[in-house]
Protein backbone atom coordinates (compact mmCIF):
# COMPACT_ATOMS: atom_id res chain seq x y z
CA UNK A 1 -0.01 -0.01 -0.03
CA UNK A 2 2.82 2.49 0.80
CA UNK A 3 4.15 2.01 -2.73
CA UNK A 4 0.72 3.06 -4.01
CA UNK A 5 0.90 6.26 -2.01
CA UNK A 6 4.16 7.15 -3.78
CA UNK A 7 2.69 6.28 -7.20
CA UNK A 8 -0.42 8.36 -6.41
CA UNK A 9 1.75 11.33 -5.36
CA UNK A 10 3.59 11.33 -8.71
CA UNK A 11 0.47 10.82 -10.74
CA UNK A 12 -1.11 13.84 -8.96
CA UNK A 13 1.94 15.92 -9.97
CA UNK A 14 2.00 14.48 -13.57
CA UNK A 15 5.58 13.36 -13.02
CA UNK A 16 6.87 10.18 -14.61
CA UNK A 17 8.84 7.90 -12.34
CA UNK A 18 10.46 4.49 -12.46
CA UNK A 19 10.35 2.62 -9.20
CA UNK A 20 13.35 0.35 -8.79
CA UNK A 21 13.01 -2.88 -6.80
CA UNK A 22 16.21 -3.79 -4.88
CA UNK A 23 17.33 -7.02 -3.55
CA UNK A 24 19.00 -5.68 -0.38
CA UNK A 25 18.71 -2.06 0.59
CA UNK A 26 18.98 -2.72 4.37
CA UNK A 27 21.82 -0.17 4.57
CA UNK A 28 22.87 2.93 2.61
CA UNK A 29 26.05 1.13 1.48
CA UNK A 30 24.09 -1.98 0.20
CA UNK A 31 21.50 0.22 -1.69
CA UNK A 32 24.31 2.26 -3.19
CA UNK A 33 26.21 -0.77 -4.24
CA UNK A 34 23.22 -2.39 -5.82
CA UNK A 35 22.28 0.83 -7.68
CA UNK A 36 25.89 1.48 -8.76
CA UNK A 37 26.04 4.92 -7.16
CA UNK A 38 27.96 6.50 -4.21
CA UNK A 39 26.54 6.47 -0.67
CA UNK A 40 25.97 10.19 -0.69
CA UNK A 41 23.55 9.73 -3.66
CA UNK A 42 21.15 7.65 -1.42
CA UNK A 43 18.70 10.06 0.02
CA UNK A 44 17.80 9.14 3.54
CA UNK A 45 14.36 10.35 4.87
CA UNK A 46 14.35 10.50 8.65
CA UNK A 47 11.07 10.91 10.60
CA UNK A 48 11.08 13.03 13.74
CA UNK A 49 8.55 14.20 16.35
CA UNK A 50 8.50 17.80 17.47
CA UNK A 51 6.28 18.97 20.37
CA UNK A 52 3.55 20.26 17.99
CA UNK A 53 4.13 18.34 14.72
CA UNK A 54 5.81 15.46 12.88
CA UNK A 55 8.48 16.18 10.30
CA UNK A 56 10.76 14.39 7.87
CA UNK A 57 14.23 15.46 6.97
CA UNK A 58 15.83 14.26 3.69
CA UNK A 59 19.60 14.05 3.82
CA UNK A 60 22.35 12.67 1.63
CA UNK A 61 23.35 9.11 2.48
CA UNK A 62 26.66 10.08 4.05
CA UNK A 63 25.15 12.79 6.31
CA UNK A 64 24.41 12.39 10.01
CA UNK A 65 22.03 14.52 11.98
CA UNK A 66 24.05 16.99 14.04
CA UNK A 67 22.18 17.36 17.32
CA UNK A 68 23.48 20.88 17.96
CA UNK A 69 22.41 22.18 14.53
CA UNK A 70 19.09 20.37 14.86
CA UNK A 71 18.38 21.90 18.27
CA UNK A 72 19.42 25.41 17.10
CA UNK A 73 16.92 25.21 14.20
CA UNK A 74 13.96 23.44 15.79
CA UNK A 75 14.51 24.69 19.36
CA UNK A 76 14.20 21.19 20.81
CA UNK A 77 16.15 17.96 21.03
CA UNK A 78 15.92 15.54 18.11
CA UNK A 79 13.46 12.76 18.74
CA UNK A 80 12.81 10.15 16.11
CA UNK A 81 9.30 8.78 15.66
CA UNK A 82 9.24 5.41 17.41
CA UNK A 83 9.76 2.43 15.12
CA UNK A 84 6.26 0.99 15.72
CA UNK A 85 4.60 4.25 14.93
CA UNK A 86 6.43 5.23 11.76
CA UNK A 87 4.06 3.64 9.25
CA UNK A 88 0.91 4.94 11.00
CA UNK A 89 2.22 8.51 11.15
CA UNK A 90 3.95 8.69 7.71
CA UNK A 91 2.14 6.15 5.43
CA UNK A 92 5.45 4.32 4.96
CA UNK A 93 7.24 1.54 6.83
CA UNK A 94 10.65 1.90 8.34
CA UNK A 95 13.14 1.63 5.46
CA UNK A 96 10.64 2.89 3.01
CA UNK A 97 10.00 6.41 4.36
CA UNK A 98 10.32 8.96 1.68
CA UNK A 99 9.02 12.55 1.11
CA UNK A 100 6.39 11.37 -1.39
CA UNK A 101 2.82 10.20 -0.46
CA UNK A 102 3.17 11.26 3.16
CA UNK A 103 0.19 12.06 5.28
CA UNK A 104 -0.64 15.77 4.80
CA UNK A 105 0.21 16.82 8.37
CA UNK A 106 3.97 16.13 7.97
CA UNK A 107 6.33 18.94 7.09
CA UNK A 108 9.25 18.17 4.78
CA UNK A 109 12.78 19.52 5.21
CA UNK A 110 15.69 19.06 2.78
CA UNK A 111 19.13 19.15 4.20
CA UNK A 112 21.83 21.23 2.53
CA UNK A 113 23.91 18.00 2.09
CA UNK A 114 21.65 17.27 -0.91
CA UNK A 115 22.63 20.51 -2.74
CA UNK A 116 26.00 18.96 -3.78
CA UNK A 117 24.22 16.39 -5.88
CA UNK A 118 22.39 16.42 -9.20
CA UNK A 119 20.38 13.24 -8.66
CA UNK A 120 19.48 11.21 -5.58
CA UNK A 121 17.91 7.85 -4.85
CA UNK A 122 15.34 8.06 -2.07
CA UNK A 123 13.20 5.12 -0.93
CA UNK A 124 9.81 4.72 -2.74
CA UNK A 125 7.42 3.59 0.05
CA UNK A 126 8.90 0.20 1.01
CA UNK A 127 12.25 -1.04 2.32
CA UNK A 128 13.28 -2.55 -1.05
CA UNK A 129 12.07 0.19 -3.37
CA UNK A 130 13.84 3.27 -4.59
CA UNK A 131 13.59 5.86 -7.44
CA UNK A 132 15.89 8.27 -9.14
CA UNK A 133 15.08 11.97 -9.03
CA UNK A 134 16.90 15.23 -9.55
CA UNK A 135 17.48 17.27 -6.46
CA UNK A 136 15.82 20.19 -8.21
CA UNK A 137 12.64 18.12 -8.88
CA UNK A 138 12.79 16.76 -5.29
CA UNK A 139 12.68 20.27 -3.97
CA UNK A 140 10.05 21.46 -6.39
CA UNK A 141 7.66 18.47 -5.90
CA UNK A 142 7.89 18.21 -2.11
CA UNK A 143 7.95 21.96 -1.51
CA UNK A 144 10.55 21.13 1.22
CA UNK A 145 12.19 23.71 3.29
CA UNK A 146 16.00 23.87 2.99
CA UNK A 147 17.89 23.57 6.25
CA UNK A 148 21.40 22.73 7.49
CA UNK A 149 21.16 20.14 10.33
CA UNK A 150 23.74 17.53 9.33
CA UNK A 151 27.43 16.81 9.39
CA UNK A 152 29.03 14.75 6.56
CA UNK A 153 30.83 11.67 7.81
């Protein structure tokens, strides 16, 4: 069902996508290896809870949330959505969370770590699904807010 939320999102925006089924995307490295890309080209979508709302932050695959930067921007400590609540809150299971086909009450943020890239490979609604999208189209379609809350490892 989560895959269908992603398909519906792109149909609504008249945007043609190709969903790629992966054999093993359990880590950024495994997904990158299977896709034949670098780890930074894997777009991670991380789901967080703020006091008054839920958000997702899309980062490059080699970026880590910097707790100091996160707290400076959001004015509270980073708290990820609990594993067992992720699908109910976002429409996507853990490993398949992406900024497409989310429930409407979730705000989308795009980390500056993505700006170094032309294309990225985010999940597509399930743990073994991905798609290729330009960073410009990602920003345009999601209407995400650009922020700087990561450190590159």
